[in-house]
N, C-alpha and C. Protein backbone atom coordinates (compact mmCIF):
# COMPACT_ATOMS: atom_id res chain seq x y z
N UNK A 1 -79.52 43.85 4.00
CA UNK A 1 -78.68 42.77 3.62
C UNK A 1 -77.22 43.22 3.57
N UNK A 2 -77.03 44.41 3.11
CA UNK A 2 -75.67 44.92 3.04
C UNK A 2 -75.06 45.02 4.42
N UNK A 3 -75.82 45.40 5.40
CA UNK A 3 -75.33 45.53 6.76
C UNK A 3 -74.89 44.18 7.31
N UNK A 4 -75.67 43.13 7.02
CA UNK A 4 -75.33 41.79 7.47
C UNK A 4 -74.00 41.32 6.84
N UNK A 5 -73.83 41.55 5.57
CA UNK A 5 -72.60 41.17 4.89
C UNK A 5 -71.40 41.94 5.45
N UNK A 6 -71.62 43.20 5.74
CA UNK A 6 -70.56 44.03 6.28
C UNK A 6 -70.14 43.54 7.66
N UNK A 7 -71.09 43.18 8.49
CA UNK A 7 -70.80 42.69 9.85
C UNK A 7 -70.06 41.36 9.77
N UNK A 8 -70.49 40.46 8.89
CA UNK A 8 -69.80 39.18 8.72
C UNK A 8 -68.37 39.40 8.22
N UNK A 9 -68.23 40.33 7.30
CA UNK A 9 -66.90 40.62 6.78
C UNK A 9 -65.98 41.11 7.90
N UNK A 10 -66.44 41.98 8.76
CA UNK A 10 -65.66 42.51 9.88
C UNK A 10 -65.32 41.38 10.85
N UNK A 11 -66.27 40.52 11.14
CA UNK A 11 -66.03 39.42 12.09
C UNK A 11 -64.94 38.50 11.55
N UNK A 12 -65.05 38.11 10.29
CA UNK A 12 -64.05 37.20 9.71
C UNK A 12 -62.68 37.85 9.56
N UNK A 13 -62.64 39.13 9.35
CA UNK A 13 -61.35 39.81 9.23
C UNK A 13 -60.68 39.99 10.58
N UNK A 14 -61.46 40.11 11.63
CA UNK A 14 -60.90 40.31 12.95
C UNK A 14 -60.51 39.00 13.64
N UNK A 15 -61.08 37.91 13.21
CA UNK A 15 -60.74 36.61 13.79
C UNK A 15 -59.46 36.12 13.12
N UNK A 16 -58.42 35.90 13.90
CA UNK A 16 -57.19 35.43 13.27
C UNK A 16 -57.39 34.03 12.68
N UNK A 17 -56.93 33.90 11.50
CA UNK A 17 -57.01 32.62 10.83
C UNK A 17 -55.59 32.10 10.65
N UNK A 18 -55.39 30.86 10.94
CA UNK A 18 -54.08 30.27 10.77
C UNK A 18 -54.23 29.01 9.93
N UNK A 19 -53.34 28.89 9.00
CA UNK A 19 -53.30 27.69 8.19
C UNK A 19 -51.84 27.27 8.11
N UNK A 20 -51.60 26.00 8.16
CA UNK A 20 -50.22 25.53 8.05
C UNK A 20 -50.17 24.32 7.14
N UNK A 21 -48.97 24.12 6.67
CA UNK A 21 -48.73 22.99 5.81
C UNK A 21 -47.32 22.51 6.10
N UNK A 22 -47.05 21.26 5.87
CA UNK A 22 -45.72 20.73 6.13
C UNK A 22 -45.11 20.19 4.86
N UNK A 23 -43.82 20.25 4.84
CA UNK A 23 -43.08 19.70 3.73
C UNK A 23 -41.90 18.93 4.30
N UNK A 24 -41.63 17.77 3.79
CA UNK A 24 -40.51 16.96 4.24
C UNK A 24 -39.39 17.06 3.21
N UNK A 25 -38.18 17.29 3.73
CA UNK A 25 -37.03 17.34 2.85
C UNK A 25 -36.05 16.24 3.26
N UNK A 26 -35.38 15.70 2.31
CA UNK A 26 -34.35 14.70 2.58
C UNK A 26 -32.99 15.40 2.57
N UNK A 27 -32.23 15.22 3.64
CA UNK A 27 -30.91 15.86 3.77
C UNK A 27 -29.85 14.76 3.75
N UNK A 28 -28.85 14.94 2.92
CA UNK A 28 -27.73 14.00 2.85
C UNK A 28 -26.45 14.76 3.16
N UNK A 29 -25.73 14.28 4.13
CA UNK A 29 -24.40 14.81 4.43
C UNK A 29 -23.42 13.67 4.20
N UNK A 30 -22.67 13.72 3.11
CA UNK A 30 -21.79 12.59 2.79
C UNK A 30 -20.55 12.56 3.70
N UNK A 31 -20.00 11.39 3.84
CA UNK A 31 -18.70 11.26 4.49
C UNK A 31 -17.67 11.76 3.48
N UNK A 32 -16.82 12.68 3.93
CA UNK A 32 -15.84 13.29 3.02
C UNK A 32 -14.45 13.12 3.60
N UNK A 33 -13.52 12.71 2.74
CA UNK A 33 -12.12 12.60 3.12
C UNK A 33 -11.29 13.07 1.93
N UNK A 34 -10.89 14.34 1.95
CA UNK A 34 -10.09 14.90 0.86
C UNK A 34 -8.86 15.59 1.45
N UNK A 35 -7.74 15.47 0.74
CA UNK A 35 -6.51 16.12 1.18
C UNK A 35 -5.63 16.37 -0.03
N UNK A 36 -4.93 17.50 0.00
CA UNK A 36 -3.91 17.74 -1.03
C UNK A 36 -2.82 18.63 -0.47
N UNK A 37 -1.74 18.73 -1.25
CA UNK A 37 -0.60 19.57 -0.89
C UNK A 37 -0.58 20.74 -1.86
N UNK A 38 -0.48 21.94 -1.31
CA UNK A 38 -0.46 23.16 -2.12
C UNK A 38 0.81 23.95 -1.84
N UNK A 39 1.38 24.63 -2.78
CA UNK A 39 1.13 24.50 -4.21
C UNK A 39 1.76 23.22 -4.72
N UNK A 40 1.29 22.76 -5.88
CA UNK A 40 1.83 21.55 -6.50
C UNK A 40 3.27 21.81 -6.94
N UNK A 41 3.99 20.75 -7.19
CA UNK A 41 5.35 20.90 -7.72
C UNK A 41 6.40 20.37 -6.78
N UNK A 42 7.61 20.33 -7.29
CA UNK A 42 8.75 19.81 -6.53
C UNK A 42 9.61 20.95 -6.01
N UNK A 43 10.51 20.61 -5.14
CA UNK A 43 11.51 21.58 -4.65
C UNK A 43 12.80 20.82 -4.41
N UNK A 44 13.88 21.54 -4.23
CA UNK A 44 15.20 20.93 -4.08
C UNK A 44 15.80 21.33 -2.75
N UNK A 45 16.41 20.36 -2.08
CA UNK A 45 17.18 20.61 -0.87
C UNK A 45 18.58 20.05 -1.12
N UNK A 46 19.57 20.93 -1.21
CA UNK A 46 20.95 20.52 -1.50
C UNK A 46 21.88 20.92 -0.37
N UNK A 47 22.68 19.95 0.07
CA UNK A 47 23.74 20.26 1.02
C UNK A 47 24.80 21.09 0.31
N UNK A 48 25.53 21.91 1.07
CA UNK A 48 26.63 22.70 0.51
C UNK A 48 27.94 22.13 1.03
N UNK A 49 28.85 21.90 0.10
CA UNK A 49 30.18 21.38 0.48
C UNK A 49 30.95 22.45 1.25
N UNK A 50 31.73 22.03 2.22
CA UNK A 50 32.54 23.01 2.95
C UNK A 50 33.66 23.58 2.06
N UNK A 51 34.14 24.75 2.43
CA UNK A 51 35.23 25.37 1.67
C UNK A 51 36.58 25.20 2.38
N UNK A 52 36.53 24.60 3.55
CA UNK A 52 37.76 24.41 4.33
C UNK A 52 37.79 22.98 4.84
N UNK A 53 38.95 22.35 4.71
CA UNK A 53 39.11 20.98 5.20
C UNK A 53 38.77 20.91 6.68
N UNK A 54 38.09 19.87 7.06
CA UNK A 54 37.74 19.67 8.47
C UNK A 54 36.38 20.22 8.84
N UNK A 55 35.76 20.96 7.94
CA UNK A 55 34.42 21.50 8.24
C UNK A 55 33.34 20.52 7.77
N UNK A 56 32.19 20.61 8.39
CA UNK A 56 31.06 19.74 8.06
C UNK A 56 30.30 20.29 6.84
N UNK A 57 29.50 19.44 6.24
CA UNK A 57 28.57 19.89 5.20
C UNK A 57 27.60 20.89 5.82
N UNK A 58 27.13 21.82 5.00
CA UNK A 58 26.12 22.76 5.47
C UNK A 58 24.76 22.27 4.99
N UNK A 59 23.88 22.07 5.93
CA UNK A 59 22.51 21.63 5.59
C UNK A 59 21.76 22.77 4.91
N UNK A 60 20.90 22.44 3.97
CA UNK A 60 20.14 23.49 3.30
C UNK A 60 19.08 24.08 4.23
N UNK A 61 18.64 25.28 3.90
CA UNK A 61 17.53 25.89 4.65
C UNK A 61 16.29 25.03 4.46
N UNK A 62 15.49 24.94 5.49
CA UNK A 62 14.24 24.16 5.42
C UNK A 62 13.30 24.76 4.39
N UNK A 63 12.51 23.92 3.77
CA UNK A 63 11.50 24.38 2.82
C UNK A 63 10.18 24.56 3.57
N UNK A 64 9.59 25.75 3.44
CA UNK A 64 8.31 26.04 4.10
C UNK A 64 7.25 26.50 3.10
N UNK A 65 7.40 26.08 1.85
CA UNK A 65 6.47 26.55 0.81
C UNK A 65 5.22 25.69 0.67
N UNK A 66 5.19 24.52 1.28
CA UNK A 66 4.08 23.58 1.10
C UNK A 66 3.07 23.65 2.24
N UNK A 67 1.81 23.46 1.88
CA UNK A 67 0.68 23.48 2.83
C UNK A 67 -0.18 22.24 2.64
N UNK A 68 -0.65 21.66 3.74
CA UNK A 68 -1.63 20.57 3.66
C UNK A 68 -3.01 21.18 3.81
N UNK A 69 -3.89 20.91 2.82
CA UNK A 69 -5.30 21.30 2.86
C UNK A 69 -6.13 20.03 2.97
N UNK A 70 -7.22 20.08 3.75
CA UNK A 70 -8.10 18.92 3.82
C UNK A 70 -9.53 19.34 4.11
N UNK A 71 -10.44 18.44 3.74
CA UNK A 71 -11.85 18.54 4.09
C UNK A 71 -12.23 17.19 4.67
N UNK A 72 -12.92 17.21 5.82
CA UNK A 72 -13.27 15.97 6.50
C UNK A 72 -14.67 16.08 7.08
N UNK A 73 -15.53 15.13 6.72
CA UNK A 73 -16.84 14.98 7.36
C UNK A 73 -16.91 13.52 7.78
N UNK A 74 -16.94 13.29 9.09
CA UNK A 74 -16.88 11.92 9.59
C UNK A 74 -18.29 11.40 9.88
N UNK A 75 -18.42 10.09 9.94
CA UNK A 75 -19.69 9.45 10.28
C UNK A 75 -20.04 9.78 11.73
N UNK A 76 -21.32 9.81 12.02
CA UNK A 76 -21.77 10.05 13.38
C UNK A 76 -21.12 9.03 14.32
N UNK A 77 -20.44 9.51 15.32
CA UNK A 77 -19.74 8.62 16.26
C UNK A 77 -18.48 8.00 15.68
N UNK A 78 -18.08 8.47 14.49
CA UNK A 78 -16.92 7.89 13.81
C UNK A 78 -15.61 8.33 14.44
N UNK A 79 -14.55 7.69 14.00
CA UNK A 79 -13.21 8.00 14.48
C UNK A 79 -12.71 9.29 13.86
N UNK A 80 -11.85 10.00 14.58
CA UNK A 80 -11.21 11.16 13.99
C UNK A 80 -10.18 10.66 12.98
N UNK A 81 -9.73 11.59 12.16
CA UNK A 81 -8.78 11.23 11.11
C UNK A 81 -7.38 11.70 11.47
N UNK A 82 -6.42 11.20 10.72
CA UNK A 82 -5.02 11.60 10.90
C UNK A 82 -4.36 11.65 9.54
N UNK A 83 -3.28 12.39 9.45
CA UNK A 83 -2.49 12.45 8.23
C UNK A 83 -1.12 11.89 8.56
N UNK A 84 -0.69 10.96 7.70
CA UNK A 84 0.62 10.34 7.86
C UNK A 84 1.51 10.76 6.71
N UNK A 85 2.80 10.60 6.91
CA UNK A 85 3.78 10.88 5.86
C UNK A 85 4.81 9.76 5.86
N UNK A 86 5.30 9.44 4.68
CA UNK A 86 6.37 8.46 4.52
C UNK A 86 7.18 8.84 3.29
N UNK A 87 8.36 8.26 3.16
CA UNK A 87 9.20 8.49 1.98
C UNK A 87 9.37 7.17 1.23
N UNK A 88 9.62 7.29 -0.07
CA UNK A 88 9.77 6.09 -0.90
C UNK A 88 11.15 5.43 -0.75
N UNK A 89 12.14 6.18 -0.30
CA UNK A 89 13.48 5.64 -0.08
C UNK A 89 14.20 6.49 0.95
N UNK A 90 15.07 5.87 1.69
CA UNK A 90 15.91 6.64 2.61
C UNK A 90 17.25 6.86 1.93
N UNK A 91 17.95 7.88 2.39
CA UNK A 91 19.30 8.17 1.90
C UNK A 91 20.23 7.90 3.07
N UNK A 92 21.13 6.94 2.93
CA UNK A 92 22.02 6.60 4.04
C UNK A 92 22.77 7.83 4.57
N UNK A 93 22.71 7.98 5.89
CA UNK A 93 23.42 9.08 6.54
C UNK A 93 22.63 10.37 6.63
N UNK A 94 21.42 10.41 6.05
CA UNK A 94 20.63 11.64 6.01
C UNK A 94 19.25 11.41 6.63
N UNK A 95 18.81 12.34 7.44
CA UNK A 95 17.45 12.32 7.98
C UNK A 95 16.60 13.35 7.25
N UNK A 96 15.42 12.93 6.84
CA UNK A 96 14.45 13.84 6.22
C UNK A 96 13.36 14.06 7.25
N UNK A 97 13.13 15.31 7.57
CA UNK A 97 12.19 15.65 8.65
C UNK A 97 11.07 16.52 8.11
N UNK A 98 9.90 16.37 8.73
CA UNK A 98 8.76 17.22 8.39
C UNK A 98 8.05 17.60 9.68
N UNK A 99 7.56 18.84 9.69
CA UNK A 99 6.76 19.31 10.81
C UNK A 99 5.58 20.09 10.25
N UNK A 100 4.37 19.73 10.68
CA UNK A 100 3.17 20.46 10.31
C UNK A 100 2.91 21.50 11.39
N UNK A 101 2.71 22.74 10.98
CA UNK A 101 2.39 23.80 11.94
C UNK A 101 0.92 23.68 12.34
N UNK A 102 0.52 24.44 13.34
CA UNK A 102 -0.90 24.51 13.70
C UNK A 102 -1.68 25.06 12.51
N UNK A 103 -2.92 24.63 12.38
CA UNK A 103 -3.75 25.08 11.25
C UNK A 103 -3.97 26.58 11.33
N UNK A 104 -3.99 27.21 10.15
CA UNK A 104 -4.27 28.65 10.06
C UNK A 104 -4.98 28.92 8.75
N UNK A 105 -5.53 30.10 8.62
CA UNK A 105 -6.20 30.48 7.38
C UNK A 105 -7.71 30.49 7.52
N UNK A 106 -8.38 30.12 6.43
CA UNK A 106 -9.82 30.31 6.30
C UNK A 106 -10.67 29.14 6.75
N UNK A 107 -10.12 28.14 7.40
CA UNK A 107 -10.86 26.93 7.73
C UNK A 107 -11.71 27.04 8.98
N UNK A 108 -12.33 25.90 9.32
CA UNK A 108 -13.14 25.81 10.51
C UNK A 108 -13.43 24.37 10.87
N UNK A 109 -14.02 24.17 12.03
CA UNK A 109 -14.35 22.83 12.49
C UNK A 109 -13.29 22.31 13.44
N UNK A 110 -13.25 20.99 13.58
CA UNK A 110 -12.28 20.35 14.46
C UNK A 110 -11.03 20.03 13.66
N UNK A 111 -10.16 21.02 13.58
CA UNK A 111 -8.91 20.89 12.81
C UNK A 111 -7.92 20.03 13.59
N UNK A 112 -7.03 19.39 12.88
CA UNK A 112 -6.08 18.48 13.50
C UNK A 112 -4.98 19.18 14.27
N UNK A 113 -4.24 18.37 15.02
CA UNK A 113 -3.15 18.84 15.86
C UNK A 113 -1.84 18.25 15.33
N UNK A 114 -0.82 19.09 15.24
CA UNK A 114 0.49 18.65 14.75
C UNK A 114 1.12 17.66 15.72
N UNK A 115 1.82 16.68 15.17
CA UNK A 115 2.59 15.74 15.98
C UNK A 115 3.99 16.27 16.26
N UNK A 116 4.28 17.49 15.83
CA UNK A 116 5.62 18.05 16.01
C UNK A 116 6.53 17.57 14.89
N UNK A 117 7.81 17.81 15.05
CA UNK A 117 8.77 17.40 14.02
C UNK A 117 8.97 15.88 14.08
N UNK A 118 8.84 15.24 12.92
CA UNK A 118 9.07 13.80 12.84
C UNK A 118 10.11 13.51 11.77
N UNK A 119 10.88 12.45 11.99
CA UNK A 119 11.84 11.99 11.00
C UNK A 119 11.14 10.94 10.15
N UNK A 120 11.16 11.15 8.84
CA UNK A 120 10.44 10.27 7.93
C UNK A 120 11.23 9.00 7.61
N UNK A 121 10.47 7.95 7.36
CA UNK A 121 11.05 6.68 6.91
C UNK A 121 10.09 6.09 5.89
N UNK A 122 10.36 4.87 5.48
CA UNK A 122 9.47 4.21 4.52
C UNK A 122 8.20 3.70 5.20
N UNK A 123 8.13 3.81 6.51
CA UNK A 123 6.93 3.47 7.27
C UNK A 123 6.17 4.76 7.59
N UNK A 124 4.86 4.76 7.33
CA UNK A 124 4.04 5.95 7.58
C UNK A 124 4.09 6.36 9.05
N UNK A 125 4.22 7.69 9.26
CA UNK A 125 4.29 8.27 10.60
C UNK A 125 3.25 9.38 10.70
N UNK A 126 2.55 9.44 11.84
CA UNK A 126 1.56 10.51 12.04
C UNK A 126 2.24 11.86 12.05
N UNK A 127 1.67 12.80 11.27
CA UNK A 127 2.15 14.19 11.36
C UNK A 127 1.04 15.12 11.83
N UNK A 128 -0.24 14.74 11.64
CA UNK A 128 -1.39 15.50 12.13
C UNK A 128 -2.41 14.49 12.63
N UNK A 129 -2.96 14.72 13.82
CA UNK A 129 -3.96 13.80 14.38
C UNK A 129 -5.18 14.59 14.86
N UNK A 130 -6.26 13.88 15.14
CA UNK A 130 -7.46 14.48 15.75
C UNK A 130 -8.31 15.30 14.80
N UNK A 131 -8.31 14.98 13.52
CA UNK A 131 -9.13 15.73 12.55
C UNK A 131 -10.57 15.23 12.64
N UNK A 132 -11.48 16.13 12.93
CA UNK A 132 -12.90 15.78 12.95
C UNK A 132 -13.59 16.35 11.73
N UNK A 133 -14.80 16.82 11.92
CA UNK A 133 -15.50 17.51 10.84
C UNK A 133 -14.83 18.87 10.66
N UNK A 134 -14.16 19.06 9.54
CA UNK A 134 -13.36 20.28 9.38
C UNK A 134 -13.03 20.54 7.92
N UNK A 135 -12.64 21.79 7.66
CA UNK A 135 -12.05 22.16 6.37
C UNK A 135 -11.00 23.22 6.65
N UNK A 136 -9.94 23.21 5.85
CA UNK A 136 -8.82 24.11 6.13
C UNK A 136 -8.80 25.37 5.27
N UNK A 137 -9.64 25.43 4.25
CA UNK A 137 -9.47 26.45 3.23
C UNK A 137 -8.56 25.85 2.18
N UNK A 138 -8.51 26.48 1.03
CA UNK A 138 -7.78 25.91 -0.10
C UNK A 138 -6.58 26.78 -0.47
N UNK A 139 -5.50 26.12 -0.83
CA UNK A 139 -4.33 26.83 -1.34
C UNK A 139 -3.32 27.16 -0.27
N UNK A 140 -2.24 27.80 -0.72
CA UNK A 140 -1.19 28.25 0.20
C UNK A 140 -1.78 29.23 1.20
N UNK A 141 -1.21 29.26 2.38
CA UNK A 141 -1.65 30.11 3.50
C UNK A 141 -2.96 29.65 4.12
N UNK A 142 -3.39 28.44 3.80
CA UNK A 142 -4.55 27.81 4.44
C UNK A 142 -4.15 26.39 4.82
N UNK A 143 -4.60 25.96 5.98
CA UNK A 143 -4.27 24.60 6.43
C UNK A 143 -3.06 24.58 7.33
N UNK A 144 -2.25 23.56 7.16
CA UNK A 144 -1.05 23.37 7.98
C UNK A 144 0.18 23.60 7.11
N UNK A 145 0.98 24.61 7.47
CA UNK A 145 2.24 24.85 6.75
C UNK A 145 3.21 23.73 7.12
N UNK A 146 3.89 23.20 6.11
CA UNK A 146 4.87 22.14 6.32
C UNK A 146 6.28 22.72 6.32
N UNK A 147 7.08 22.27 7.26
CA UNK A 147 8.51 22.59 7.27
C UNK A 147 9.24 21.28 7.00
N UNK A 148 9.92 21.24 5.87
CA UNK A 148 10.61 20.03 5.45
C UNK A 148 12.11 20.33 5.44
N UNK A 149 12.87 19.48 6.14
CA UNK A 149 14.30 19.73 6.26
C UNK A 149 15.08 18.42 6.14
N UNK A 150 16.35 18.54 5.83
CA UNK A 150 17.25 17.38 5.81
C UNK A 150 18.50 17.72 6.61
N UNK A 151 19.00 16.73 7.30
CA UNK A 151 20.22 16.89 8.10
C UNK A 151 21.04 15.61 8.00
N UNK A 152 22.34 15.75 8.21
CA UNK A 152 23.20 14.57 8.28
C UNK A 152 22.97 13.93 9.63
N UNK A 153 22.76 12.60 9.62
CA UNK A 153 22.62 11.91 10.90
C UNK A 153 23.82 11.02 11.21
N UNK A 154 24.49 10.51 10.18
CA UNK A 154 25.67 9.68 10.38
C UNK A 154 26.64 9.92 9.22
N UNK A 155 27.71 10.64 9.48
CA UNK A 155 28.69 10.95 8.43
C UNK A 155 29.30 9.69 7.82
N UNK A 156 29.47 8.66 8.62
CA UNK A 156 30.09 7.43 8.14
C UNK A 156 29.27 6.76 7.04
N UNK A 157 27.97 7.05 6.97
CA UNK A 157 27.09 6.41 5.98
C UNK A 157 26.87 7.24 4.73
N UNK A 158 27.46 8.44 4.68
CA UNK A 158 27.23 9.31 3.52
C UNK A 158 27.99 8.84 2.29
N UNK A 159 27.37 9.01 1.15
CA UNK A 159 28.05 8.82 -0.14
C UNK A 159 27.47 9.87 -1.09
N UNK A 160 28.33 10.38 -1.96
CA UNK A 160 27.92 11.46 -2.86
C UNK A 160 26.75 11.00 -3.74
N UNK A 161 25.82 11.92 -3.97
CA UNK A 161 24.65 11.67 -4.80
C UNK A 161 24.33 12.95 -5.56
N UNK A 162 23.69 12.80 -6.70
CA UNK A 162 23.23 13.95 -7.46
C UNK A 162 21.76 13.75 -7.81
N UNK A 163 20.95 14.72 -7.43
CA UNK A 163 19.53 14.71 -7.76
C UNK A 163 18.83 13.40 -7.43
N UNK A 164 19.01 12.91 -6.23
CA UNK A 164 18.32 11.69 -5.79
C UNK A 164 16.87 12.04 -5.44
N UNK A 165 15.93 11.60 -6.25
CA UNK A 165 14.53 11.96 -5.96
C UNK A 165 13.98 11.16 -4.78
N UNK A 166 13.45 11.87 -3.82
CA UNK A 166 12.77 11.25 -2.69
C UNK A 166 11.34 11.76 -2.73
N UNK A 167 10.39 10.83 -2.74
CA UNK A 167 8.98 11.19 -2.80
C UNK A 167 8.40 11.07 -1.40
N UNK A 168 7.78 12.15 -0.94
CA UNK A 168 7.07 12.12 0.35
C UNK A 168 5.60 11.87 0.03
N UNK A 169 5.05 10.82 0.63
CA UNK A 169 3.64 10.48 0.43
C UNK A 169 2.86 10.85 1.68
N UNK A 170 1.82 11.64 1.50
CA UNK A 170 0.93 12.04 2.59
C UNK A 170 -0.39 11.30 2.41
N UNK A 171 -0.93 10.77 3.51
CA UNK A 171 -2.18 10.00 3.46
C UNK A 171 -3.08 10.44 4.60
N UNK A 172 -4.37 10.67 4.28
CA UNK A 172 -5.36 10.95 5.32
C UNK A 172 -6.15 9.67 5.55
N UNK A 173 -6.30 9.28 6.81
CA UNK A 173 -6.95 8.02 7.15
C UNK A 173 -7.58 8.12 8.53
N UNK A 174 -8.39 7.13 8.88
CA UNK A 174 -8.98 7.10 10.23
C UNK A 174 -8.01 6.50 11.20
């Protein structure tokens, strides 16, 4: 009897046995549209008065301390996203310009493309287009570096001002 059990044991051990089971999981990938400007806070751009009669105002150096960060997950077959910028008020005789650099840093996916330097107005203007499923990384040195500058566009329209707050509004949309 022992021999029979031993032979059966060997046969069953040598015959490969396969068993399988299935499990169903539910996966949710939400549509995501997030954007912010890093680092937070304000900055100042001041023209410098000339020291000699007949000379023009000196425009301030451009500010390059701000970065646009975003996360985007679009619907299947959905439209790409874009980021627009506008200002709350214009200053007569002065142009406020912004340029988003190409994306850099820790991000990935279908990152947006800069529209180049644009002059801002109270109407939203594209500054980055073609954003698909992407993330830029968070904080300064991730995303699109912004170059914000001001220049005189018409001397005849200038009037002295002190600390005139201009708010730049950035919006991510389809």
